[in-house]
Amino acid sequence: MTIDERELARLLEETAALSSPPRLTAEELTSHIRRRRALVVVTGVGVVMAVAALAVSLPGALSAPSQAPAAAPGPVPVQASYAVTVNGRTQHLPFGGSPPGYAITPGETLAITVDMTIPARTSVPVTALWLGITDGVLAPGPNGPAQLSPILSADTRASLGPGTHRFTLRWVAPVDLRPGTSRQLSAEEKWSDGETERMIAVFNVRR
């Protein structure tokens, strides 16, 4: 025991003699005080550790990206399907599918019916539609098709919404078409903020 501790023990002994029952000895009081000091030290360390943990986690929480609200769905673009009838033979073209093929003869007259079906989920109408013949090149543009020749049908003020829309066409295959070559029946669709051009049937010249 150091000098300071002996002096403390003496004072505690005197204090213990004057205190009311139950009385504690000097050693018991010393042990009690030491335990209280240890408790204070441990508690202080715990507080420091808690503050340090908070200091580490708080910047991360503040810097974490906030959860952005889900954006409202935009307008659904036109995803039309087609049924093409050539001289009585009908074939279907779903959206995203390959255009059906027809064998033709140079100089042949083709009676063509096009049924364009716009699905119910479409939220923007077709505002212009051109149907015509292309030679392997598609070139949609804001001012209408550049490669349709001839144009067999043109509706530049259309308002075609969900449902089926029918168009009746007639085309005479040029007499100078060479065997093994082809021409395409193509459609250009235009709506409020876009346009697309696609082949909806292929005319293959018989060999």
C-alpha atoms as a PDB file:
ATOM      1  CA  MET A   1       0.000   0.000   0.000  1.00  0.00           C
ATOM      2  CA  THR A   2       1.351   3.450  -0.876  1.00  0.00           C
ATOM      3  CA  ILE A   3       1.489   6.407   1.551  1.00  0.00           C
ATOM      4  CA  ASP A   4      -1.566   7.980  -0.061  1.00  0.00           C
ATOM      5  CA  GLU A   5      -3.547   4.784   0.258  1.00  0.00           C
ATOM      6  CA  ARG A   6      -2.559   4.365   3.953  1.00  0.00           C
ATOM      7  CA  GLU A   7      -3.672   7.893   4.697  1.00  0.00           C
ATOM      8  CA  LEU A   8      -6.925   7.239   2.827  1.00  0.00           C
ATOM      9  CA  ALA A   9      -7.456   4.040   4.796  1.00  0.00           C
ATOM     10  CA  ARG A  10      -6.948   5.847   8.087  1.00  0.00           C
ATOM     11  CA  LEU A  11      -9.458   8.522   7.218  1.00  0.00           C
ATOM     12  CA  LEU A  12     -11.942   5.939   6.022  1.00  0.00           C
ATOM     13  CA  GLU A  13     -11.464   3.989   9.277  1.00  0.00           C
ATOM     14  CA  GLU A  14     -12.303   7.061  11.276  1.00  0.00           C
ATOM     15  CA  THR A  15     -15.289   7.777   9.085  1.00  0.00           C
ATOM     16  CA  ALA A  16     -16.505   4.219   9.391  1.00  0.00           C
ATOM     17  CA  ALA A  17     -16.325   4.443  13.206  1.00  0.00           C
ATOM     18  CA  LEU A  18     -18.625   7.459  13.145  1.00  0.00           C
ATOM     19  CA  SER A  19     -21.130   6.145  10.591  1.00  0.00           C
ATOM     20  CA  SER A  20     -24.399   4.532  11.640  1.00  0.00           C
ATOM     21  CA  PRO A  21     -24.971   0.753  11.280  1.00  0.00           C
ATOM     22  CA  PRO A  22     -24.522  -1.186   9.146  1.00  0.00           C
ATOM     23  CA  ARG A  23     -20.857  -0.121   9.350  1.00  0.00           C
ATOM     24  CA  LEU A  24     -18.175  -0.808   6.745  1.00  0.00           C
ATOM     25  CA  THR A  25     -14.513  -1.363   7.498  1.00  0.00           C
ATOM     26  CA  ALA A  26     -11.834   0.777   5.896  1.00  0.00           C
ATOM     27  CA  GLU A  27     -10.885  -2.072   3.568  1.00  0.00           C
ATOM     28  CA  GLU A  28     -14.502  -2.508   2.467  1.00  0.00           C
ATOM     29  CA  LEU A  29     -14.875   1.213   1.818  1.00  0.00           C
ATOM     30  CA  THR A  30     -11.585   1.260  -0.132  1.00  0.00           C
ATOM     31  CA  SER A  31     -12.719  -1.682  -2.260  1.00  0.00           C
ATOM     32  CA  HIS A  32     -16.083  -0.021  -2.831  1.00  0.00           C
ATOM     33  CA  ILE A  33     -14.448   3.230  -3.945  1.00  0.00           C
ATOM     34  CA  ARG A  34     -12.107   1.362  -6.295  1.00  0.00           C
ATOM     35  CA  ARG A  35     -15.059  -0.445  -7.865  1.00  0.00           C
ATOM     36  CA  ARG A  36     -16.873   2.865  -8.340  1.00  0.00           C
ATOM     37  CA  ARG A  37     -13.768   4.345  -9.998  1.00  0.00           C
ATOM     38  CA  ALA A  38     -13.478   1.321 -12.299  1.00  0.00           C
ATOM     39  CA  LEU A  39     -17.156   1.642 -13.188  1.00  0.00           C
ATOM     40  CA  VAL A  40     -16.717   5.288 -14.058  1.00  0.00           C
ATOM     41  CA  VAL A  41     -13.672   4.506 -16.212  1.00  0.00           C
ATOM     42  CA  VAL A  42     -15.434   1.657 -18.052  1.00  0.00           C
ATOM     43  CA  THR A  43     -18.554   3.739 -18.528  1.00  0.00           C
ATOM     44  CA  GLY A  44     -16.457   6.604 -19.886  1.00  0.00           C
ATOM     45  CA  VAL A  45     -14.709   4.299 -22.337  1.00  0.00           C
ATOM     46  CA  GLY A  46     -18.073   2.957 -23.486  1.00  0.00           C
ATOM     47  CA  VAL A  47     -19.343   6.462 -24.127  1.00  0.00           C
ATOM     48  CA  VAL A  48     -16.192   7.313 -26.098  1.00  0.00           C
ATOM     49  CA  MET A  49     -16.521   4.148 -28.169  1.00  0.00           C
ATOM     50  CA  ALA A  50     -20.201   4.842 -28.869  1.00  0.00           C
ATOM     51  CA  VAL A  51     -19.398   8.386 -29.986  1.00  0.00           C
ATOM     52  CA  ALA A  52     -16.590   7.103 -32.210  1.00  0.00           C
ATOM     53  CA  ALA A  53     -18.895   4.539 -33.811  1.00  0.00           C
ATOM     54  CA  LEU A  54     -21.486   7.213 -34.448  1.00  0.00           C
ATOM     55  CA  ALA A  55     -18.850   9.469 -36.016  1.00  0.00           C
ATOM     56  CA  VAL A  56     -17.863   6.652 -38.376  1.00  0.00           C
ATOM     57  CA  SER A  57     -21.371   5.583 -39.378  1.00  0.00           C
ATOM     58  CA  LEU A  58     -23.012   8.990 -39.664  1.00  0.00           C
ATOM     59  CA  PRO A  59     -21.008  10.295 -42.679  1.00  0.00           C
ATOM     60  CA  GLY A  60     -21.717   7.042 -44.508  1.00  0.00           C
ATOM     61  CA  ALA A  61     -25.406   7.372 -43.794  1.00  0.00           C
ATOM     62  CA  LEU A  62     -25.401  10.971 -44.931  1.00  0.00           C
ATOM     63  CA  SER A  63     -23.420  10.208 -48.079  1.00  0.00           C
ATOM     64  CA  ALA A  64     -25.556   7.187 -49.095  1.00  0.00           C
ATOM     65  CA  PRO A  65     -27.582   7.938 -52.233  1.00  0.00           C
ATOM     66  CA  SER A  66     -31.171   8.727 -51.495  1.00  0.00           C
ATOM     67  CA  GLN A  67     -33.835   6.457 -52.915  1.00  0.00           C
ATOM     68  CA  ALA A  68     -35.208   8.328 -55.913  1.00  0.00           C
ATOM     69  CA  PRO A  69     -38.946   8.047 -56.441  1.00  0.00           C
ATOM     70  CA  ALA A  70     -39.961   5.676 -59.200  1.00  0.00           C
ATOM     71  CA  ALA A  71     -40.437   7.502 -62.483  1.00  0.00           C
ATOM     72  CA  ALA A  72     -43.865   7.405 -64.017  1.00  0.00           C
ATOM     73  CA  PRO A  73     -44.025   5.157 -67.091  1.00  0.00           C
ATOM     74  CA  GLY A  74     -43.715   7.037 -70.365  1.00  0.00           C
ATOM     75  CA  PRO A  75     -45.958   6.688 -73.397  1.00  0.00           C
ATOM     76  CA  VAL A  76     -45.937   3.281 -75.057  1.00  0.00           C
ATOM     77  CA  PRO A  77     -44.636   3.549 -78.664  1.00  0.00           C
ATOM     78  CA  VAL A  78     -46.449   1.985 -81.584  1.00  0.00           C
ATOM     79  CA  GLN A  79     -45.803  -1.770 -81.854  1.00  0.00           C
ATOM     80  CA  ALA A  80     -48.149  -2.647 -84.691  1.00  0.00           C
ATOM     81  CA  SER A  81     -48.551  -6.084 -86.232  1.00  0.00           C
ATOM     82  CA  TYR A  82     -49.636  -6.686 -89.828  1.00  0.00           C
ATOM     83  CA  ALA A  83     -51.599  -9.182 -91.877  1.00  0.00           C
ATOM     84  CA  VAL A  84     -50.760  -8.935 -95.588  1.00  0.00           C
ATOM     85  CA  THR A  85     -52.954 -10.509 -98.265  1.00  0.00           C
ATOM     86  CA  VAL A  86     -51.541 -10.763-101.799  1.00  0.00           C
ATOM     87  CA  ASN A  87     -53.858 -12.134-104.509  1.00  0.00           C
ATOM     88  CA  GLY A  88     -55.893 -13.966-101.874  1.00  0.00           C
ATOM     89  CA  ARG A  89     -53.012 -15.392 -99.827  1.00  0.00           C
ATOM     90  CA  THR A  90     -52.747 -14.019 -96.277  1.00  0.00           C
ATOM     91  CA  GLN A  91     -49.674 -14.100 -94.056  1.00  0.00           C
ATOM     92  CA  HIS A  92     -49.147 -12.502 -90.644  1.00  0.00           C
ATOM     93  CA  LEU A  93     -46.304 -10.366 -89.354  1.00  0.00           C
ATOM     94  CA  PRO A  94     -46.115  -9.941 -85.558  1.00  0.00           C
ATOM     95  CA  PHE A  95     -44.240  -6.949 -84.171  1.00  0.00           C
ATOM     96  CA  GLY A  96     -40.513  -7.699 -84.353  1.00  0.00           C
ATOM     97  CA  GLY A  97     -40.993 -10.685 -86.690  1.00  0.00           C
ATOM     98  CA  SER A  98     -39.567 -11.364 -90.145  1.00  0.00           C
ATOM     99  CA  PRO A  99     -41.697 -10.192 -93.106  1.00  0.00           C
ATOM    100  CA  PRO A 100     -43.480 -12.957 -95.043  1.00  0.00           C
ATOM    101  CA  GLY A 101     -42.428 -13.735 -98.600  1.00  0.00           C
ATOM    102  CA  TYR A 102     -44.449 -13.954-101.839  1.00  0.00           C
ATOM    103  CA  ALA A 103     -43.304 -15.263-105.207  1.00  0.00           C
ATOM    104  CA  ILE A 104     -44.176 -12.923-108.072  1.00  0.00           C
ATOM    105  CA  THR A 105     -43.731 -12.731-111.833  1.00  0.00           C
ATOM    106  CA  PRO A 106     -42.524  -9.622-113.716  1.00  0.00           C
ATOM    107  CA  GLY A 107     -45.548  -7.725-115.079  1.00  0.00           C
ATOM    108  CA  GLU A 108     -47.930  -9.409-112.599  1.00  0.00           C
ATOM    109  CA  THR A 109     -50.712  -7.322-111.068  1.00  0.00           C
ATOM    110  CA  LEU A 110     -50.862  -7.695-107.280  1.00  0.00           C
ATOM    111  CA  ALA A 111     -54.062  -7.005-105.342  1.00  0.00           C
ATOM    112  CA  ILE A 112     -52.828  -6.255-101.818  1.00  0.00           C
ATOM    113  CA  THR A 113     -54.754  -5.839 -98.572  1.00  0.00           C
ATOM    114  CA  VAL A 114     -52.902  -4.656 -95.472  1.00  0.00           C
ATOM    115  CA  ASP A 115     -54.493  -5.020 -92.027  1.00  0.00           C
ATOM    116  CA  MET A 116     -52.535  -3.026 -89.471  1.00  0.00           C
ATOM    117  CA  THR A 117     -53.315  -3.877 -85.835  1.00  0.00           C
ATOM    118  CA  ILE A 118     -52.284  -1.468 -83.077  1.00  0.00           C
ATOM    119  CA  PRO A 119     -52.357  -3.100 -79.607  1.00  0.00           C
ATOM    120  CA  ALA A 120     -54.595  -1.800 -76.846  1.00  0.00           C
ATOM    121  CA  ARG A 121     -51.642  -0.806 -74.614  1.00  0.00           C
ATOM    122  CA  THR A 122     -50.485   1.807 -77.161  1.00  0.00           C
ATOM    123  CA  SER A 123     -50.923   5.252 -75.640  1.00  0.00           C
ATOM    124  CA  VAL A 124     -49.961   7.419 -78.631  1.00  0.00           C
ATOM    125  CA  PRO A 125     -51.748   7.341 -82.014  1.00  0.00           C
ATOM    126  CA  VAL A 126     -50.125   6.975 -85.414  1.00  0.00           C
ATOM    127  CA  THR A 127     -50.324  10.438 -86.954  1.00  0.00           C
ATOM    128  CA  ALA A 128     -49.063   9.529 -90.453  1.00  0.00           C
ATOM    129  CA  LEU A 129     -48.712   6.304 -92.418  1.00  0.00           C
ATOM    130  CA  TRP A 130     -47.171   5.511 -95.804  1.00  0.00           C
ATOM    131  CA  LEU A 131     -47.257   2.148 -97.603  1.00  0.00           C
ATOM    132  CA  GLY A 132     -45.161   1.484-100.694  1.00  0.00           C
ATOM    133  CA  ILE A 133     -42.413  -0.439-102.452  1.00  0.00           C
ATOM    134  CA  THR A 134     -38.741  -0.367-101.444  1.00  0.00           C
ATOM    135  CA  ASP A 135     -35.612  -1.880-102.983  1.00  0.00           C
ATOM    136  CA  GLY A 136     -33.744  -3.079 -99.888  1.00  0.00           C
ATOM    137  CA  VAL A 137     -33.280   0.360 -98.288  1.00  0.00           C
ATOM    138  CA  LEU A 138     -35.280   1.869 -95.400  1.00  0.00           C
ATOM    139  CA  ALA A 139     -34.897   5.589 -94.732  1.00  0.00           C
ATOM    140  CA  PRO A 140     -37.495   6.966 -92.298  1.00  0.00           C
ATOM    141  CA  GLY A 141     -37.419  10.715 -91.826  1.00  0.00           C
ATOM    142  CA  PRO A 142     -39.423  13.573 -90.313  1.00  0.00           C
ATOM    143  CA  ASN A 143     -40.720  14.613 -93.738  1.00  0.00           C
ATOM    144  CA  GLY A 144     -41.928  11.188 -94.782  1.00  0.00           C
ATOM    145  CA  PRO A 145     -40.313   8.262 -96.571  1.00  0.00           C
ATOM    146  CA  ALA A 146     -37.415   8.867 -98.933  1.00  0.00           C
ATOM    147  CA  GLN A 147     -37.156   5.389-100.456  1.00  0.00           C
ATOM    148  CA  LEU A 148     -40.765   4.332-101.120  1.00  0.00           C
ATOM    149  CA  SER A 149     -41.223   4.110-104.894  1.00  0.00           C
ATOM    150  CA  PRO A 150     -43.977   3.976-105.694  1.00  0.00           C
ATOM    151  CA  ILE A 151     -46.003   5.080-102.682  1.00  0.00           C
ATOM    152  CA  LEU A 152     -49.175   2.990-102.791  1.00  0.00           C
ATOM    153  CA  SER A 153     -50.999   4.662 -99.892  1.00  0.00           C
ATOM    154  CA  ALA A 154     -50.355   7.810 -97.894  1.00  0.00           C
ATOM    155  CA  ASP A 155     -52.279   9.206 -94.928  1.00  0.00           C
ATOM    156  CA  THR A 156     -50.400  12.211 -93.568  1.00  0.00           C
ATOM    157  CA  ARG A 157     -53.181  13.322 -91.214  1.00  0.00           C
ATOM    158  CA  ALA A 158     -53.979   9.993 -89.639  1.00  0.00           C
ATOM    159  CA  SER A 159     -55.036   9.442 -86.042  1.00  0.00           C
ATOM    160  CA  LEU A 160     -54.826   5.681 -85.800  1.00  0.00           C
ATOM    161  CA  GLY A 161     -55.313   4.351 -82.295  1.00  0.00           C
ATOM    162  CA  PRO A 162     -55.660   0.821 -80.912  1.00  0.00           C
ATOM    163  CA  GLY A 163     -57.525  -1.573 -83.211  1.00  0.00           C
ATOM    164  CA  THR A 164     -57.248  -2.916 -86.757  1.00  0.00           C
ATOM    165  CA  HIS A 165     -57.017  -0.597 -89.759  1.00  0.00           C
ATOM    166  CA  ARG A 166     -57.342  -1.885 -93.345  1.00  0.00           C
ATOM    167  CA  PHE A 167     -55.703  -0.532 -96.495  1.00  0.00           C
ATOM    168  CA  THR A 168     -56.334  -1.750-100.058  1.00  0.00           C
ATOM    169  CA  LEU A 169     -53.443  -1.440-102.523  1.00  0.00           C
ATOM    170  CA  ARG A 170     -52.623  -2.390-106.086  1.00  0.00           C
ATOM    171  CA  TRP A 171     -49.169  -2.807-107.625  1.00  0.00           C
ATOM    172  CA  VAL A 172     -47.986  -4.033-111.019  1.00  0.00           C
ATOM    173  CA  ALA A 173     -44.558  -5.646-110.783  1.00  0.00           C
ATOM    174  CA  PRO A 174     -42.200  -4.028-113.300  1.00  0.00           C
ATOM    175  CA  VAL A 175     -41.582  -6.158-116.376  1.00  0.00           C
ATOM    176  CA  ASP A 176     -37.839  -5.590-116.175  1.00  0.00           C
ATOM    177  CA  LEU A 177     -37.407  -7.247-112.778  1.00  0.00           C
ATOM    178  CA  ARG A 178     -34.718  -9.895-113.035  1.00  0.00           C
ATOM    179  CA  PRO A 179     -35.300 -13.442-111.757  1.00  0.00           C
ATOM    180  CA  GLY A 180     -33.931 -13.953-108.226  1.00  0.00           C
ATOM    181  CA  THR A 181     -34.246 -10.287-107.255  1.00  0.00           C
ATOM    182  CA  SER A 182     -36.820  -8.889-104.855  1.00  0.00           C
ATOM    183  CA  ARG A 183     -38.821  -5.863-103.857  1.00  0.00           C
ATOM    184  CA  GLN A 184     -40.397  -5.149-100.489  1.00  0.00           C
ATOM    185  CA  LEU A 185     -43.727  -3.819 -99.321  1.00  0.00           C
ATOM    186  CA  SER A 186     -42.770  -1.378 -96.569  1.00  0.00           C
ATOM    187  CA  ALA A 187     -44.644   0.803 -94.092  1.00  0.00           C
ATOM    188  CA  GLU A 188     -43.502   4.017 -92.452  1.00  0.00           C
ATOM    189  CA  GLU A 189     -45.320   4.947 -89.261  1.00  0.00           C
ATOM    190  CA  LYS A 190     -45.070   8.307 -87.573  1.00  0.00           C
ATOM    191  CA  TRP A 191     -46.331   9.400 -84.140  1.00  0.00           C
ATOM    192  CA  SER A 192     -45.944  12.444 -81.910  1.00  0.00           C
ATOM    193  CA  ASP A 193     -42.277  11.947 -81.011  1.00  0.00           C
ATOM    194  CA  GLY A 194     -40.893   9.379 -83.423  1.00  0.00           C
ATOM    195  CA  GLU A 195     -41.148   7.408 -86.631  1.00  0.00           C
ATOM    196  CA  THR A 196     -40.169   4.001 -87.932  1.00  0.00           C
ATOM    197  CA  GLU A 197     -40.046   2.246 -91.283  1.00  0.00           C
ATOM    198  CA  ARG A 198     -40.218  -1.525 -91.685  1.00  0.00           C
ATOM    199  CA  MET A 199     -40.639  -4.156 -94.355  1.00  0.00           C
ATOM    200  CA  ILE A 200     -43.969  -5.931 -93.975  1.00  0.00           C
ATOM    201  CA  ALA A 201     -43.725  -8.290 -96.977  1.00  0.00           C
ATOM    202  CA  VAL A 202     -41.073  -9.421 -99.478  1.00  0.00           C
ATOM    203  CA  PHE A 203     -41.847  -9.994-103.202  1.00  0.00           C
ATOM    204  CA  ASN A 204     -39.383 -12.514-104.620  1.00  0.00           C
ATOM    205  CA  VAL A 205     -39.160 -12.643-108.414  1.00  0.00           C
ATOM    206  CA  ARG A 206     -39.442 -16.227-109.664  1.00  0.00           C
ATOM    207  CA  ARG A 207     -36.362 -17.661-111.303  1.00  0.00           C
END
